[in-house]
């Protein structure tokens, strides 16, 4: 089996409510997400998110 394609998408996902970190110094209103799809010559596809 050989990987013949890797596809990557970057998504900014809005949050319903913002959240704060580091004692209120960092405010997050969206989630920066990366989606990956790997396709093989055997017809198998795999997905990942980070």
N, C-alpha and C. Protein backbone atom coordinates (compact mmCIF):
# COMPACT_ATOMS: atom_id res chain seq x y z
N UNK A 1 0.84 -1.17 0.00
CA UNK A 1 0.00 0.00 0.00
C UNK A 1 0.89 1.24 0.00
N UNK A 2 0.56 2.18 -0.90
CA UNK A 2 1.33 3.42 -1.05
C UNK A 2 0.39 4.61 -0.89
N UNK A 3 0.82 5.60 -0.13
CA UNK A 3 0.06 6.85 -0.03
C UNK A 3 0.20 7.59 -1.35
N UNK A 4 -0.93 7.91 -1.97
CA UNK A 4 -0.85 8.63 -3.24
C UNK A 4 -1.44 10.04 -3.18
N UNK A 5 -2.06 10.41 -2.05
CA UNK A 5 -2.57 11.77 -1.92
C UNK A 5 -2.73 12.13 -0.45
N UNK A 6 -2.31 13.35 -0.11
CA UNK A 6 -2.57 13.92 1.21
C UNK A 6 -3.23 15.27 0.97
N UNK A 7 -4.41 15.46 1.55
CA UNK A 7 -5.16 16.70 1.40
C UNK A 7 -5.33 17.32 2.78
N UNK A 8 -5.07 18.62 2.88
CA UNK A 8 -5.14 19.32 4.17
C UNK A 8 -6.06 20.53 4.03
N UNK A 9 -6.97 20.70 5.01
CA UNK A 9 -7.84 21.87 5.08
C UNK A 9 -7.62 22.56 6.42
N UNK A 10 -7.62 23.89 6.40
CA UNK A 10 -7.56 24.68 7.63
C UNK A 10 -8.92 25.33 7.80
N UNK A 11 -9.52 25.17 8.99
CA UNK A 11 -10.83 25.72 9.27
C UNK A 11 -10.79 26.57 10.54
N UNK A 12 -11.47 27.71 10.51
CA UNK A 12 -11.69 28.51 11.71
C UNK A 12 -13.13 28.24 12.15
N UNK A 13 -13.29 27.49 13.22
CA UNK A 13 -14.61 27.12 13.69
C UNK A 13 -15.05 28.08 14.79
N UNK A 14 -16.16 28.82 14.58
CA UNK A 14 -16.60 29.75 15.61
C UNK A 14 -17.12 29.01 16.85
N UNK A 15 -16.84 29.56 18.01
CA UNK A 15 -17.32 28.99 19.26
C UNK A 15 -18.64 29.64 19.65
N UNK A 16 -19.53 28.88 20.25
CA UNK A 16 -20.81 29.43 20.71
C UNK A 16 -20.58 30.49 21.78
N UNK A 17 -19.69 30.20 22.71
CA UNK A 17 -19.31 31.15 23.75
C UNK A 17 -17.79 31.21 23.79
N UNK A 18 -17.21 32.40 23.88
CA UNK A 18 -15.75 32.48 23.99
C UNK A 18 -15.27 31.92 25.33
N UNK A 19 -14.02 31.50 25.36
CA UNK A 19 -13.44 31.06 26.63
C UNK A 19 -12.09 31.74 26.85
N UNK A 20 -11.71 31.82 28.11
CA UNK A 20 -10.51 32.55 28.52
C UNK A 20 -9.50 31.58 29.13
N UNK A 21 -8.22 31.83 28.87
CA UNK A 21 -7.13 31.06 29.46
C UNK A 21 -6.12 32.02 30.08
N UNK A 22 -5.20 31.46 30.81
CA UNK A 22 -4.08 32.21 31.39
C UNK A 22 -4.55 33.37 32.26
N UNK A 23 -5.48 33.07 33.16
CA UNK A 23 -5.95 34.08 34.08
C UNK A 23 -6.71 35.22 33.42
N UNK A 24 -7.34 34.94 32.28
CA UNK A 24 -8.12 35.96 31.58
C UNK A 24 -7.34 36.78 30.58
N UNK A 25 -6.08 36.43 30.36
CA UNK A 25 -5.25 37.19 29.41
C UNK A 25 -5.45 36.76 27.97
N UNK A 26 -5.90 35.52 27.74
CA UNK A 26 -6.10 35.01 26.39
C UNK A 26 -7.57 34.68 26.17
N UNK A 27 -8.17 35.32 25.18
CA UNK A 27 -9.57 35.09 24.86
C UNK A 27 -9.65 34.37 23.51
N UNK A 28 -10.41 33.29 23.46
CA UNK A 28 -10.60 32.51 22.24
C UNK A 28 -12.06 32.58 21.81
N UNK A 29 -12.29 33.05 20.57
CA UNK A 29 -13.63 33.13 20.03
C UNK A 29 -13.85 32.17 18.87
N UNK A 30 -12.77 31.51 18.45
CA UNK A 30 -12.86 30.52 17.37
C UNK A 30 -11.80 29.45 17.60
N UNK A 31 -12.01 28.32 17.01
CA UNK A 31 -11.09 27.19 17.13
C UNK A 31 -10.38 27.01 15.80
N UNK A 32 -9.07 27.08 15.83
CA UNK A 32 -8.25 26.87 14.63
C UNK A 32 -8.07 25.36 14.48
N UNK A 33 -8.68 24.78 13.46
CA UNK A 33 -8.67 23.33 13.29
C UNK A 33 -8.05 22.96 11.94
N UNK A 34 -7.32 21.87 11.91
CA UNK A 34 -6.72 21.34 10.68
C UNK A 34 -7.27 19.94 10.44
N UNK A 35 -7.81 19.71 9.24
CA UNK A 35 -8.37 18.42 8.84
C UNK A 35 -7.45 17.83 7.77
N UNK A 36 -7.13 16.54 7.90
CA UNK A 36 -6.24 15.87 6.96
C UNK A 36 -6.91 14.61 6.42
N UNK A 37 -6.80 14.39 5.11
CA UNK A 37 -7.27 13.15 4.49
C UNK A 37 -6.09 12.53 3.76
N UNK A 38 -5.87 11.23 4.03
CA UNK A 38 -4.80 10.48 3.37
C UNK A 38 -5.43 9.38 2.55
N UNK A 39 -5.10 9.33 1.25
CA UNK A 39 -5.62 8.31 0.33
C UNK A 39 -4.49 7.39 -0.12
N UNK A 40 -4.81 6.11 -0.27
CA UNK A 40 -3.81 5.12 -0.71
C UNK A 40 -4.19 4.53 -2.06
N UNK A 41 -3.22 3.86 -2.65
CA UNK A 41 -3.47 3.20 -3.93
C UNK A 41 -4.38 1.97 -3.77
N UNK A 42 -4.62 1.52 -2.54
CA UNK A 42 -5.51 0.38 -2.28
C UNK A 42 -6.96 0.82 -2.09
N UNK A 43 -7.22 2.13 -2.26
CA UNK A 43 -8.58 2.63 -2.12
C UNK A 43 -8.99 2.93 -0.68
N UNK A 44 -8.03 2.91 0.23
CA UNK A 44 -8.30 3.19 1.65
C UNK A 44 -8.03 4.66 1.92
N UNK A 45 -8.95 5.31 2.64
CA UNK A 45 -8.78 6.71 3.04
C UNK A 45 -8.82 6.79 4.56
N UNK A 46 -7.99 7.68 5.09
CA UNK A 46 -7.97 7.93 6.53
C UNK A 46 -8.10 9.42 6.78
N UNK A 47 -8.77 9.76 7.89
CA UNK A 47 -9.00 11.14 8.25
C UNK A 47 -8.39 11.46 9.61
N UNK A 48 -7.94 12.70 9.78
CA UNK A 48 -7.43 13.13 11.08
C UNK A 48 -7.76 14.59 11.31
N UNK A 49 -7.74 14.99 12.57
CA UNK A 49 -8.05 16.38 12.93
C UNK A 49 -7.15 16.79 14.07
N UNK A 50 -6.69 18.01 14.01
CA UNK A 50 -5.84 18.51 15.08
C UNK A 50 -5.99 19.98 15.28
